[in-house]
Protein backbone atom coordinates (compact mmCIF):
# COMPACT_ATOMS: atom_id res chain seq x y z
CA MET A 1 0.00 0.00 0.00
CA PRO A 2 1.33 3.50 -0.81
CA GLN A 3 2.46 5.36 2.31
CA LEU A 4 3.12 9.10 2.54
CA GLU A 5 4.60 11.08 5.41
CA THR A 6 4.33 14.82 6.00
CA ASP A 7 4.25 17.49 8.68
CA VAL A 8 0.80 18.87 7.77
CA LEU A 9 -1.94 17.09 5.88
CA VAL A 10 -4.62 19.42 4.45
CA ILE A 11 -7.87 17.69 3.47
CA GLY A 12 -9.77 19.75 0.91
CA ALA A 13 -8.20 22.08 -1.64
CA GLY A 14 -10.69 24.89 -2.06
CA GLY A 15 -9.94 28.40 -0.85
CA ALA A 16 -9.48 27.48 2.82
CA GLY A 17 -7.37 24.40 2.10
CA MET A 18 -5.08 26.14 -0.35
CA TYR A 19 -4.59 29.11 1.98
CA ALA A 20 -3.82 26.68 4.82
CA ALA A 21 -1.24 24.88 2.70
CA VAL A 22 0.46 28.14 1.72
CA ALA A 23 0.52 29.36 5.33
CA ALA A 24 1.92 26.10 6.69
CA ALA A 25 4.59 25.90 4.00
CA ARG A 26 5.86 29.41 4.57
CA GLU A 27 6.37 28.47 8.22
CA GLY A 28 8.71 25.74 7.05
CA ALA A 29 6.37 22.75 7.23
CA ARG A 30 6.16 20.01 4.65
CA VAL A 31 2.57 19.89 3.37
CA VAL A 32 0.45 17.33 1.55
CA LEU A 33 -2.67 18.94 0.07
CA VAL A 34 -5.32 16.42 -1.00
CA ASP A 35 -8.70 16.73 -2.64
CA LYS A 36 -11.34 14.39 -4.03
CA SER A 37 -11.35 16.32 -7.27
CA LEU A 38 -8.55 18.35 -8.86
CA VAL A 39 -6.62 20.46 -6.37
CA GLY A 40 -7.84 24.04 -6.58
CA ARG A 41 -10.74 23.22 -8.88
CA GLY A 42 -13.27 21.65 -6.51
CA GLY A 43 -15.25 22.85 -3.53
CA ALA A 44 -17.24 26.04 -3.09
CA THR A 45 -14.67 28.80 -3.60
CA ILE A 46 -14.21 28.38 -7.33
CA MET A 47 -17.99 28.51 -7.78
CA ALA A 48 -18.44 31.72 -5.77
CA GLN A 49 -19.64 34.67 -7.82
CA MET A 50 -20.37 36.85 -4.83
CA THR A 51 -18.71 39.67 -2.94
CA VAL A 52 -16.14 39.48 -0.15
CA ALA A 53 -16.75 41.33 3.12
CA ALA A 54 -13.79 43.17 4.66
CA ALA A 55 -13.45 46.56 6.32
CA VAL A 56 -10.78 47.87 3.95
CA GLY A 57 -12.29 51.37 4.21
CA GLU A 58 -10.87 52.71 0.95
CA TRP A 59 -14.03 54.60 -0.09
CA GLU A 60 -15.97 55.12 3.12
CA PRO A 61 -14.57 55.19 6.66
CA ASP A 62 -14.84 51.72 8.15
CA HIS A 63 -13.31 49.59 10.88
CA TRP A 64 -13.32 45.88 11.55
CA THR A 65 -15.33 46.34 14.74
CA HIS A 66 -18.22 47.67 12.67
CA HIS A 67 -17.99 44.62 10.44
CA LEU A 68 -18.01 42.54 13.62
CA ALA A 69 -21.12 44.30 14.92
CA ASP A 70 -22.97 43.48 11.69
CA THR A 71 -21.74 39.86 11.85
CA ILE A 72 -22.97 39.43 15.42
CA GLU A 73 -26.31 41.06 14.63
CA ALA A 74 -26.80 38.73 11.67
CA GLY A 75 -25.88 35.73 13.85
CA ARG A 76 -28.98 36.22 16.02
CA GLY A 77 -27.17 35.95 19.34
CA LEU A 78 -25.26 32.71 18.72
CA CYS A 79 -21.91 33.83 17.27
CA ASN A 80 -18.70 32.71 18.91
CA GLU A 81 -17.58 36.30 19.25
CA ARG A 82 -13.89 35.46 19.51
CA LEU A 83 -13.94 33.64 16.19
CA ALA A 84 -16.11 36.35 14.64
CA ALA A 85 -13.67 39.02 15.84
CA ILE A 86 -10.72 37.12 14.35
CA LEU A 87 -12.61 36.84 11.06
CA CYS A 88 -13.43 40.55 10.87
CA GLU A 89 -10.08 41.87 12.15
CA GLU A 90 -7.93 39.72 9.86
CA ALA A 91 -10.13 39.91 6.75
CA PRO A 92 -8.57 43.21 5.52
CA VAL A 93 -5.09 41.73 6.03
CA ARG A 94 -5.91 38.71 3.91
CA ILE A 95 -7.70 40.81 1.26
CA ARG A 96 -4.61 42.99 0.89
CA GLU A 97 -2.37 39.94 0.78
CA MET A 98 -4.51 38.53 -2.02
CA ASP A 99 -4.26 41.92 -3.70
CA SER A 100 -0.47 41.71 -3.55
CA TRP A 101 -0.83 38.33 -5.29
CA ARG A 102 -2.71 40.11 -8.11
CA VAL A 103 -6.15 38.60 -7.58
CA GLY A 104 -7.67 41.60 -9.36
CA TRP A 105 -10.08 43.26 -6.94
CA ALA A 106 -12.19 45.75 -8.88
CA ARG A 107 -10.82 49.28 -8.57
CA GLU A 108 -11.78 52.85 -9.31
CA ASP A 109 -9.29 55.71 -9.07
CA GLY A 110 -6.80 53.25 -7.62
CA ARG A 111 -9.03 52.22 -4.72
CA MET A 112 -10.85 48.92 -4.21
CA ARG A 113 -14.50 49.22 -5.06
CA ALA A 114 -16.89 48.20 -2.31
CA VAL A 115 -20.62 47.60 -2.53
CA MET A 116 -23.43 47.26 -0.03
CA ALA A 117 -24.60 43.72 0.69
CA PRO A 118 -27.49 42.31 2.77
CA GLY A 119 -27.01 42.85 6.49
CA HIS A 120 -24.19 45.40 6.20
CA LYS A 121 -24.69 49.00 7.28
CA ILE A 122 -22.11 50.45 4.92
CA PRO A 123 -20.59 49.32 1.60
CA ARG A 124 -17.64 47.05 2.48
CA CYS A 125 -17.84 44.12 0.08
CA VAL A 126 -15.10 43.91 -2.53
CA TYR A 127 -15.27 41.78 -5.64
CA VAL A 128 -13.73 40.86 -8.97
CA ASP A 129 -15.73 42.10 -11.95
CA PHE A 130 -18.49 40.22 -13.76
CA LEU A 131 -19.08 37.23 -11.50
CA ASN A 132 -15.41 36.32 -11.48
CA THR A 133 -14.61 36.54 -7.76
CA GLY A 134 -14.46 32.82 -7.00
CA PRO A 135 -12.57 31.74 -10.13
CA ALA A 136 -10.09 34.61 -9.69
CA VAL A 137 -9.50 33.71 -6.04
CA ALA A 138 -9.05 30.02 -6.87
CA LYS A 139 -6.62 30.78 -9.70
CA THR A 140 -4.56 33.09 -7.49
CA LEU A 141 -4.32 30.53 -4.70
CA ARG A 142 -3.46 27.74 -7.16
CA THR A 143 -0.53 29.86 -8.30
CA GLN A 144 0.64 30.39 -4.72
CA VAL A 145 0.37 26.66 -4.00
CA ALA A 146 2.30 25.80 -7.16
CA GLN A 147 5.05 28.28 -6.30
CA GLY A 148 5.23 27.34 -2.62
CA ALA A 149 8.15 25.17 -1.59
CA GLY A 150 7.27 22.00 0.27
CA ILE A 151 3.66 21.56 -0.93
CA ALA A 152 2.81 18.21 -2.51
CA ARG A 153 -0.54 18.16 -4.32
CA VAL A 154 -2.58 14.97 -4.55
CA SER A 155 -5.81 15.05 -6.58
CA GLY A 156 -8.40 12.29 -6.69
CA LEU A 157 -7.84 11.08 -3.13
CA SER A 158 -10.83 10.62 -0.82
CA ILE A 159 -9.95 10.59 2.89
CA ALA A 160 -11.98 7.90 4.64
CA ASP A 161 -10.60 7.88 8.20
CA LEU A 162 -8.29 9.75 10.56
CA ALA A 163 -5.78 8.01 12.80
CA VAL A 164 -5.82 9.18 16.42
CA HIS A 165 -3.38 7.86 19.03
CA ASP A 166 -3.27 8.91 22.69
CA GLY A 167 -5.59 11.84 22.09
CA ARG A 168 -3.73 13.34 19.14
CA VAL A 169 -4.08 12.97 15.41
CA ALA A 170 -1.44 10.91 13.64
CA GLY A 171 -2.51 10.74 10.01
CA ALA A 172 -5.21 9.47 7.70
CA VAL A 173 -6.26 6.73 5.33
CA GLY A 174 -7.41 7.71 1.86
CA ILE A 175 -8.85 5.90 -1.13
CA ASN A 176 -7.44 6.58 -4.59
CA LEU A 177 -10.40 7.44 -6.81
CA GLU A 178 -8.78 6.02 -9.92
CA ASP A 179 -8.22 2.47 -8.74
CA GLY A 180 -9.81 2.23 -5.28
CA ALA A 181 -6.49 1.45 -3.60
CA PRO A 182 -5.99 2.60 0.02
CA VAL A 183 -3.27 5.17 0.74
CA GLY A 184 -1.80 5.82 4.18
CA ILE A 185 -0.63 9.30 5.16
CA ALA A 186 1.33 9.86 8.37
CA ALA A 187 1.04 13.47 9.54
CA ARG A 188 1.96 15.51 12.58
CA ALA A 189 -1.07 17.76 12.08
CA VAL A 190 -4.23 17.47 9.99
CA ILE A 191 -6.43 20.31 8.74
CA LEU A 192 -10.03 19.56 7.77
CA ALA A 193 -10.97 21.98 5.00
CA ALA A 194 -13.42 19.84 3.05
CA GLY A 195 -16.32 22.29 3.18
CA GLY A 196 -19.93 21.90 4.27
CA LEU A 197 -22.90 19.64 3.65
CA THR A 198 -25.38 21.47 1.42
CA ARG A 199 -25.30 18.65 -1.15
CA LEU A 200 -27.53 16.79 1.31
CA PHE A 201 -30.50 18.91 0.22
CA ARG A 202 -32.42 18.23 -2.99
CA ARG A 203 -32.19 21.85 -4.15
CA ASN A 204 -28.65 23.10 -3.57
CA SER A 205 -25.86 25.24 -4.99
CA ALA A 206 -23.09 22.89 -3.84
CA SER A 207 -20.36 21.14 -5.73
CA ALA A 208 -20.59 17.36 -5.86
CA ASN A 209 -18.12 16.89 -2.97
CA MET A 210 -19.98 18.97 -0.35
CA GLY A 211 -21.55 15.99 1.36
CA GLY A 212 -20.37 16.47 4.95
CA ASP A 213 -17.05 14.60 4.80
CA ALA A 214 -15.25 17.00 7.14
CA PHE A 215 -17.96 16.67 9.79
CA ALA A 216 -18.00 12.87 9.66
CA LEU A 217 -14.20 12.68 9.86
CA ALA A 218 -14.20 15.04 12.85
CA LEU A 219 -16.89 13.11 14.71
CA ASN A 220 -15.24 9.75 14.15
CA ALA A 221 -11.91 11.17 15.36
CA GLY A 222 -13.50 12.35 18.62
CA ALA A 223 -13.89 16.06 17.82
CA GLU A 224 -17.05 18.07 18.47
CA LEU A 225 -19.48 19.75 16.10
CA ILE A 226 -21.41 22.92 16.94
CA ASP A 227 -24.59 24.63 15.65
CA MET A 228 -25.39 21.84 13.20
CA GLU A 229 -29.07 22.84 13.03
CA PHE A 230 -28.22 25.92 10.95
CA PRO A 231 -27.85 25.30 7.20
CA GLN A 232 -28.31 28.57 5.32
CA PHE A 233 -30.74 28.86 2.43
CA PHE A 234 -29.80 31.43 -0.17
CA PRO A 235 -33.09 33.22 -0.84
CA ILE A 236 -32.91 33.95 -4.56
CA GLY A 237 -31.48 30.85 -6.18
CA HIS A 238 -32.43 30.65 -9.85
CA LEU A 239 -35.64 28.72 -10.55
CA ALA A 240 -36.90 29.56 -14.07
CA PRO A 241 -36.50 29.81 -17.01
CA ARG A 242 -33.88 27.14 -17.46
CA LEU A 243 -30.33 28.38 -16.85
CA VAL A 244 -27.52 26.26 -18.29
CA GLY A 245 -23.85 26.60 -17.38
CA MET A 246 -24.32 29.42 -14.87
CA ASP A 247 -24.38 29.56 -11.07
CA PRO A 248 -27.94 29.47 -9.64
CA ILE A 249 -26.95 32.02 -6.98
CA MET A 250 -25.60 34.58 -9.45
CA TRP A 251 -28.40 37.13 -8.95
CA ASP A 252 -27.59 38.53 -5.52
CA PRO A 253 -24.83 41.06 -6.35
CA PHE A 254 -26.87 42.43 -9.24
CA ARG A 255 -29.92 42.73 -7.04
CA TYR A 256 -28.24 44.99 -4.53
CA LYS A 257 -26.05 46.82 -7.06
CA LEU A 258 -28.93 47.69 -9.37
CA GLY A 259 -32.01 47.44 -7.18
CA GLY A 260 -33.59 44.24 -8.45
CA ARG A 261 -37.14 44.06 -7.14
CA LEU A 262 -38.52 40.93 -5.43
CA LEU A 263 -42.17 40.52 -6.37
CA ASN A 264 -44.75 37.90 -5.47
CA GLY A 265 -47.14 36.32 -7.94
CA ASN A 266 -49.32 39.43 -7.76
CA MET A 267 -46.30 41.53 -8.83
CA GLU A 268 -46.14 43.17 -5.38
CA GLU A 269 -43.08 43.76 -3.20
CA PHE A 270 -43.57 41.83 0.01
CA ILE A 271 -40.49 41.77 2.25
CA GLU A 272 -41.86 44.71 4.27
CA ASN A 273 -44.69 42.44 5.41
CA TYR A 274 -42.13 40.36 7.32
CA GLY A 275 -40.50 43.09 9.39
CA GLU A 276 -37.75 44.26 7.03
CA GLN A 277 -37.28 47.38 4.93
CA ASP A 278 -36.24 46.21 1.48
CA SER A 279 -37.79 48.40 -1.20
CA GLY A 280 -35.18 50.82 -2.53
CA VAL A 281 -32.31 49.31 -0.49
CA TYR A 282 -32.54 45.57 -1.26
CA THR A 283 -30.45 44.46 1.70
CA ALA A 284 -32.84 42.37 3.85
CA PRO A 285 -30.99 39.51 5.61
CA ARG A 286 -30.99 36.12 3.97
CA ASP A 287 -32.89 34.24 6.66
CA ILE A 288 -35.80 36.68 6.66
CA THR A 289 -35.91 36.91 2.86
CA SER A 290 -35.96 33.13 2.50
CA TYR A 291 -38.71 32.81 5.09
CA ALA A 292 -40.78 35.54 3.39
CA ILE A 293 -40.52 33.84 -0.01
CA VAL A 294 -41.66 30.48 1.38
CA LYS A 295 -44.56 32.09 3.21
CA GLU A 296 -45.71 33.96 0.10
CA CYS A 297 -45.74 30.67 -1.80
CA GLU A 298 -47.64 28.96 1.01
CA ALA A 299 -50.26 31.71 0.85
CA GLY A 300 -50.77 31.14 -2.86
CA ARG A 301 -48.91 34.27 -3.90
CA GLY A 302 -45.96 32.57 -5.56
CA SER A 303 -44.78 32.54 -9.17
CA PRO A 304 -45.83 29.73 -11.57
CA ASN A 305 -42.83 27.50 -10.76
CA GLY A 306 -43.11 27.80 -6.98
CA GLY A 307 -40.95 30.83 -6.21
CA VAL A 308 -41.22 34.59 -6.62
CA TYR A 309 -40.16 37.04 -9.30
CA LEU A 310 -36.92 39.00 -9.47
CA SER A 311 -37.34 41.93 -11.82
CA PHE A 312 -34.80 44.27 -13.42
CA GLU A 313 -37.30 45.60 -15.94
CA HIS A 314 -37.20 49.08 -14.42
CA ILE A 315 -33.43 49.37 -15.05
CA PRO A 316 -32.41 50.99 -18.35
CA GLU A 317 -30.65 48.59 -20.71
CA PRO A 318 -27.35 50.56 -20.75
CA GLU A 319 -27.14 50.27 -16.95
CA LEU A 320 -27.84 46.55 -17.14
CA ARG A 321 -25.08 46.07 -19.70
CA LEU A 322 -22.64 48.10 -17.65
CA ALA A 323 -23.34 46.03 -14.52
CA PHE A 324 -23.63 42.59 -16.13
CA GLY A 325 -20.97 42.98 -18.81
CA PRO A 326 -20.55 39.79 -20.90
CA VAL A 327 -22.96 37.97 -18.58
CA ILE A 328 -25.79 39.66 -20.50
CA ASP A 329 -24.85 37.74 -23.63
CA ARG A 330 -24.62 34.46 -21.73
CA LEU A 331 -28.12 35.10 -20.34
CA ALA A 332 -29.38 35.78 -23.84
CA LYS A 333 -28.15 32.33 -24.91
CA ASN A 334 -30.42 30.97 -22.17
CA GLY A 335 -33.35 32.93 -23.56
CA ILE A 336 -33.33 35.46 -20.73
CA ASP A 337 -33.92 39.13 -21.58
CA LEU A 338 -33.92 41.11 -18.33
CA THR A 339 -35.40 44.19 -20.01
CA ARG A 340 -38.56 42.33 -21.01
CA ARG A 341 -39.48 39.93 -18.22
CA PRO A 342 -38.53 38.91 -14.70
CA ILE A 343 -36.94 35.62 -13.77
CA GLU A 344 -38.21 33.28 -11.05
CA VAL A 345 -36.16 32.63 -7.90
CA ALA A 346 -36.59 30.56 -4.74
CA PRO A 347 -34.49 29.55 -1.70
CA ILE A 348 -31.71 27.04 -2.26
CA ALA A 349 -29.40 25.31 0.25
CA HIS A 350 -26.17 27.25 0.02
CA TYR A 351 -23.99 27.22 3.15
CA HIS A 352 -23.70 25.74 6.62
CA MET A 353 -23.21 27.95 9.67
CA GLY A 354 -22.50 24.96 11.90
CA GLY A 355 -19.41 22.83 11.76
CA ILE A 356 -16.38 21.63 13.67
CA ARG A 357 -15.85 23.21 17.09
CA VAL A 358 -12.44 24.88 17.31
CA ASP A 359 -10.55 27.38 19.45
CA GLU A 360 -8.92 30.60 18.27
CA ARG A 361 -6.02 28.58 16.81
CA MET A 362 -8.54 26.61 14.72
CA GLU A 363 -7.68 23.49 16.73
CA THR A 364 -10.26 20.94 17.88
CA ARG A 365 -10.19 19.13 21.21
CA ILE A 366 -8.08 16.47 19.45
CA ALA A 367 -4.47 17.65 19.56
CA GLY A 368 -3.09 18.41 16.12
CA LEU A 369 -6.50 18.31 14.41
CA TYR A 370 -7.54 21.67 12.91
CA ALA A 371 -10.36 22.94 10.75
CA ALA A 372 -10.70 25.80 8.27
CA GLY A 373 -13.27 27.51 6.08
CA GLU A 374 -16.88 26.35 5.96
CA ALA A 375 -15.93 23.23 7.94
CA VAL A 376 -15.59 25.50 11.01
CA GLY A 377 -18.67 26.18 13.12
CA GLY A 378 -19.48 29.02 15.49
CA ALA A 379 -18.32 32.26 13.89
CA ASN A 380 -21.58 32.89 12.04
CA GLY A 381 -24.10 31.87 14.69
CA ALA A 382 -27.61 31.25 13.41
CA ASN A 383 -27.26 33.20 10.16
CA ARG A 384 -24.17 34.11 8.13
CA LEU A 385 -23.70 37.71 7.10
CA SER A 386 -23.53 38.09 3.33
CA GLY A 387 -19.95 38.21 2.06
CA ASN A 388 -18.36 36.45 5.05
CA ALA A 389 -17.76 33.07 3.40
CA ILE A 390 -14.65 33.85 1.34
CA PRO A 391 -12.88 35.90 4.05
CA GLU A 392 -13.67 33.03 6.42
CA ALA A 393 -11.82 30.71 4.03
CA PHE A 394 -8.86 33.10 3.86
CA VAL A 395 -8.62 33.96 7.56
CA PHE A 396 -9.34 30.56 9.08
CA GLY A 397 -7.28 28.80 6.41
CA GLU A 398 -4.24 30.98 7.09
CA ARG A 399 -4.55 30.55 10.86
CA ALA A 400 -5.04 26.80 10.67
CA GLY A 401 -1.99 26.41 8.44
CA ARG A 402 0.20 28.68 10.57
CA PHE A 403 -0.66 26.98 13.86
CA ALA A 404 -0.62 23.46 12.40
CA ALA A 405 2.96 24.10 11.23
CA GLU A 406 4.00 24.52 14.87
CA ARG A 407 3.24 20.81 15.37
CA ARG A 408 5.83 19.63 12.86
CA SER A 409 8.42 18.67 15.46
CA GLU A 410 6.07 17.07 18.01
CA ALA A 411 4.92 13.69 16.77
CA GLY A 412 6.70 10.65 15.50
CA ALA A 413 5.94 8.78 12.31
CA TRP A 414 2.89 6.55 12.01
CA ARG A 415 2.22 3.90 9.43
CA SER A 416 -1.32 2.84 8.59
CA ASP A 417 -0.22 -0.75 8.27
CA ASP A 418 1.15 -0.67 11.83
CA ASP A 419 -2.36 -0.77 13.34
CA GLY A 420 -4.34 -2.27 10.47
CA ARG A 421 -6.39 0.91 10.06
CA ALA A 422 -6.41 0.84 6.27
CA GLU A 423 -7.56 -2.75 6.20
CA ARG A 424 -10.36 -1.98 8.67
CA VAL A 425 -11.53 0.96 6.58
CA VAL A 426 -11.71 -1.13 3.42
CA ASP A 427 -13.11 -4.26 5.07
CA GLY A 428 -15.74 -2.27 6.97
CA ALA A 429 -17.12 -0.90 3.72
CA HIS A 430 -17.49 -4.28 2.06
CA GLY A 431 -20.23 -6.83 2.30
CA SER A 432 -21.51 -9.79 0.39
CA GLY A 433 -23.83 -7.83 -1.90
CA ARG A 434 -23.46 -6.68 -5.45
CA ASN A 435 -21.62 -3.51 -6.46
CA ASN A 436 -24.96 -1.71 -6.53
CA ARG A 437 -24.09 1.88 -7.36
CA ALA A 438 -27.66 2.43 -8.55
CA GLY A 439 -28.95 1.46 -5.12
CA LEU A 440 -26.50 3.84 -3.44
CA GLY A 441 -27.59 6.62 -5.79
CA ALA A 442 -31.24 5.99 -5.02
CA LEU A 443 -30.54 6.12 -1.29
CA LEU A 444 -28.71 9.44 -1.69
CA ARG A 445 -31.63 10.91 -3.64
CA GLU A 446 -34.03 9.76 -0.94
CA LEU A 447 -31.84 11.41 1.68
CA GLN A 448 -31.76 14.67 -0.28
CA ALA A 449 -35.55 14.69 -0.62
CA LEU A 450 -35.99 13.88 3.06
CA MET A 451 -33.66 16.66 4.15
CA TRP A 452 -35.35 19.19 1.85
CA ASP A 453 -38.88 18.27 2.88
CA ASP A 454 -38.46 17.68 6.63
CA VAL A 455 -35.16 19.33 7.65
CA GLY A 456 -35.34 22.26 5.26
CA LEU A 457 -36.31 25.86 5.71
CA LEU A 458 -39.56 25.27 7.66
CA ARG A 459 -39.45 22.56 10.32
CA THR A 460 -41.79 20.80 12.74
CA GLU A 461 -41.30 18.20 15.45
CA GLU A 462 -43.28 15.69 13.41
CA GLY A 463 -41.18 16.19 10.29
CA LEU A 464 -37.86 16.25 12.13
CA SER A 465 -38.73 13.10 14.08
CA ARG A 466 -39.74 11.36 10.86
CA ALA A 467 -36.51 12.39 9.17
CA LEU A 468 -34.36 11.37 12.12
CA ASP A 469 -35.97 7.94 12.31
CA ARG A 470 -35.51 7.34 8.58
CA ILE A 471 -31.89 8.55 8.55
CA ARG A 472 -31.05 6.20 11.43
CA ARG A 473 -32.62 3.27 9.58
CA MET A 474 -30.62 4.22 6.51
CA ARG A 475 -27.43 4.16 8.59
CA ASP A 476 -28.24 0.95 10.48
CA ASP A 477 -30.02 -1.13 7.83
CA ASP A 478 -29.99 0.21 4.28
CA LEU A 479 -26.36 1.26 4.03
CA PRO A 480 -24.90 -2.02 5.38
CA ALA A 481 -27.15 -3.96 2.98
CA LEU A 482 -25.63 -2.00 0.09
CA ALA A 483 -22.01 -2.64 1.10
CA PRO A 484 -20.38 -3.79 -2.14
CA ALA A 485 -18.63 -7.10 -2.65
CA ARG A 486 -14.89 -6.71 -2.29
CA LYS A 487 -12.88 -5.94 -5.38
CA THR A 488 -9.17 -5.45 -5.52
CA ARG A 489 -9.11 -2.51 -7.95
CA PHE A 490 -11.34 0.16 -9.52
CA ASP A 491 -13.87 -0.20 -6.72
CA HIS A 492 -16.03 2.86 -7.37
CA ALA A 493 -18.95 1.38 -5.47
CA LEU A 494 -16.69 1.47 -2.39
CA LEU A 495 -16.14 5.20 -2.88
CA ASP A 496 -19.87 5.88 -3.26
CA TRP A 497 -20.55 3.82 -0.14
CA LEU A 498 -18.01 5.72 1.94
CA ASP A 499 -19.36 9.06 0.71
CA LEU A 500 -22.91 8.08 1.65
CA ARG A 501 -21.79 6.86 5.06
CA ALA A 502 -20.34 10.29 5.80
CA SER A 503 -23.41 12.07 4.43
CA LEU A 504 -25.80 10.06 6.61
CA LEU A 505 -23.82 10.85 9.75
CA ALA A 506 -23.75 14.56 8.89
CA ALA A 507 -27.47 14.56 8.04
CA GLU A 508 -28.35 12.90 11.33
CA SER A 509 -26.41 15.55 13.24
CA VAL A 510 -28.44 18.30 11.54
CA ALA A 511 -31.81 16.63 12.13
CA LEU A 512 -31.06 15.79 15.77
CA ALA A 513 -29.83 19.29 16.60
CA ALA A 514 -32.83 20.85 14.85
CA LEU A 515 -35.22 18.66 16.83
CA ASN A 516 -33.60 19.74 20.10
CA ARG A 517 -33.80 23.49 19.38
CA ARG A 518 -37.43 24.22 20.22
CA GLU A 519 -37.56 27.78 18.94
CA SER A 520 -37.14 29.76 15.71
CA ARG A 521 -33.87 31.63 15.25
CA GLY A 522 -32.05 32.72 12.11
CA ALA A 523 -31.94 29.95 9.52
CA HIS A 524 -33.67 27.53 11.91
CA GLN A 525 -37.42 28.08 11.60
CA ARG A 526 -39.82 25.88 13.58
CA GLU A 527 -43.47 26.11 12.56
CA ASP A 528 -44.42 24.69 15.97
CA PHE A 529 -42.17 27.10 17.92
CA VAL A 530 -42.37 30.32 15.95
CA GLU A 531 -40.87 32.66 18.54
CA THR A 532 -37.21 33.15 19.45
CA ASP A 533 -36.72 31.93 23.02
CA PRO A 534 -34.02 33.70 25.10
CA ALA A 535 -33.45 30.41 26.95
CA TYR A 536 -31.97 29.01 23.74
CA ALA A 537 -29.35 31.73 23.40
CA ARG A 538 -26.70 29.02 23.61
CA ASN A 539 -24.83 26.72 21.28
CA GLN A 540 -25.53 23.06 20.75
CA VAL A 541 -22.60 20.64 20.69
CA VAL A 542 -22.75 17.24 18.94
CA THR A 543 -20.41 14.35 19.67
CA LEU A 544 -20.22 10.68 18.68
CA SER A 545 -20.30 8.11 21.47
CA THR A 546 -18.19 4.97 21.50
CA ASP A 547 -21.21 2.91 20.38
CA GLY A 548 -21.75 5.10 17.32
CA ALA A 549 -24.70 7.13 18.63
CA LEU A 550 -24.86 10.91 18.31
CA GLU A 551 -25.17 12.88 21.54
CA CYS A 552 -26.05 16.55 22.05
CA ASP A 553 -25.32 18.99 24.83
CA TRP A 554 -25.58 22.75 25.33
CA ALA A 555 -22.76 25.25 25.78
CA GLY A 556 -22.66 28.93 26.67
CA ILE A 557 -21.92 31.61 24.06
CA VAL A 558 -18.22 32.53 23.79
CA GLU A 559 -18.10 36.29 24.23
CA ALA A 560 -15.30 38.73 23.56
CA SER A 561 -14.79 42.30 24.61
CA HIS A 562 -14.57 44.61 21.64
CA ALA A 563 -15.15 48.33 21.58
CA ARG A 564 -16.48 49.80 18.35
CA ALA A 565 -13.93 52.11 16.84
CA PRO A 566 -15.20 55.44 15.49
CA LEU A 567 -16.06 55.41 11.80
CA GLU A 568 -13.45 58.12 11.28
CA ALA A 569 -10.77 55.52 12.07
CA ALA A 570 -10.62 54.02 8.61
CA GLU A 571 -8.16 51.24 7.94
């Protein structure tokens, strides 16, 4: 069996993973950066066409403490304020570092442009022109990874298990996607940067590898998860007409740049009916906007395809062309003329506020095990502020890499064949059945439908209990029955089985946490507990017991003292 050895193993090579690899390498650590897909071309970052929140203050006076105040307000009382403060304070540093790497932030008169985004009180969100933010960021980080000394890149490797000895991480076992062969990796520190779990929902904006791998690996290693009941639904995901080859969440920056109007089926603006001022400013928070859209549809005031309308018809065509640039022509190829008719939009699973519980060094309770990017829970509370996802990848990725590098002299070498871990991983995923990839696919589709219908934007005890019971039966009965017969090579059914095993564990953690939170708060909306209850102003922690059962407990909010700087104190 192939065996690798390194100082720092980074699992996931999107924005957070690549930044972590760069940071660890420049501290002198040897790094192995692995990804299921191609390094730097999978995950959420490369798909992002949104803006990036950071208090750079180049046009209007701003300060990171004001960004922090907006982040905490959006989080509905559940933010880990220490993590949120780190995110907001270090975001301008990372944005300027990316600028020095020539990422191409949009500029005017030599200064970075910044736009208003939902939940922010001043314009502070930078971007790369014409929906190019994510691809530009990914390309820039790929260049830094390629130029960084000591970074080995391994594409097409799915990590199936972490090795933990005496309370500290020692490495991992992966499966080569090309031939199904196990690969052992000894590491002195491991960073989980494999993203979130939004692929678990039927309607989602996720890449194919956002199935909860990081969360399952963390739980099985003995780490804790936090705030798992809070997936975020992007309110205006594209619904109709058909859009081919373009991101379903592309509309948001144009809505708040140009003033796109959200209209119900009666062609009326409606967000004001749900406690927010939106007309003319178009910056209502995502959780409230998503809730309002669903409620309008429930009341029979939706658009023909089950959403609402987004209209730019009141914007002159020259302004549309200036804002959309070449995107206008791509829309035309899809039969979309924004000057003549609105498009239909509806909520779509987009992000996960919950994740792995870490300290300010991005380290879990397992020594040497770190997390970065969307895999981290706590900083965003019950609702993520628009624009915080990419700076979270930058800031938490850099910190995880820097602190993980400090572990490079601590642990000795470990070989996966020393303790039989690789053999147990492979043997545990095999049964006597056929290599039934169709059956595994059908089970995944059932899980996605179940999560969308019963663990989606509007929840009830009945639906959550039904979902939890079915997910547990999937884990205990259906998945073992679909364990493929052992093959020596090219065992793609094995890979599908391992992916689904991780997804079911992550899905159960969401459903269980949502059932326990008997209130409505942020992205968690209970139809049977519609009010926000001050008694639930606390975080929920999920762990995995030795017998494989998930357990939940409550923890107090981590607060931090931070005085708001005057707006005159621009960066």
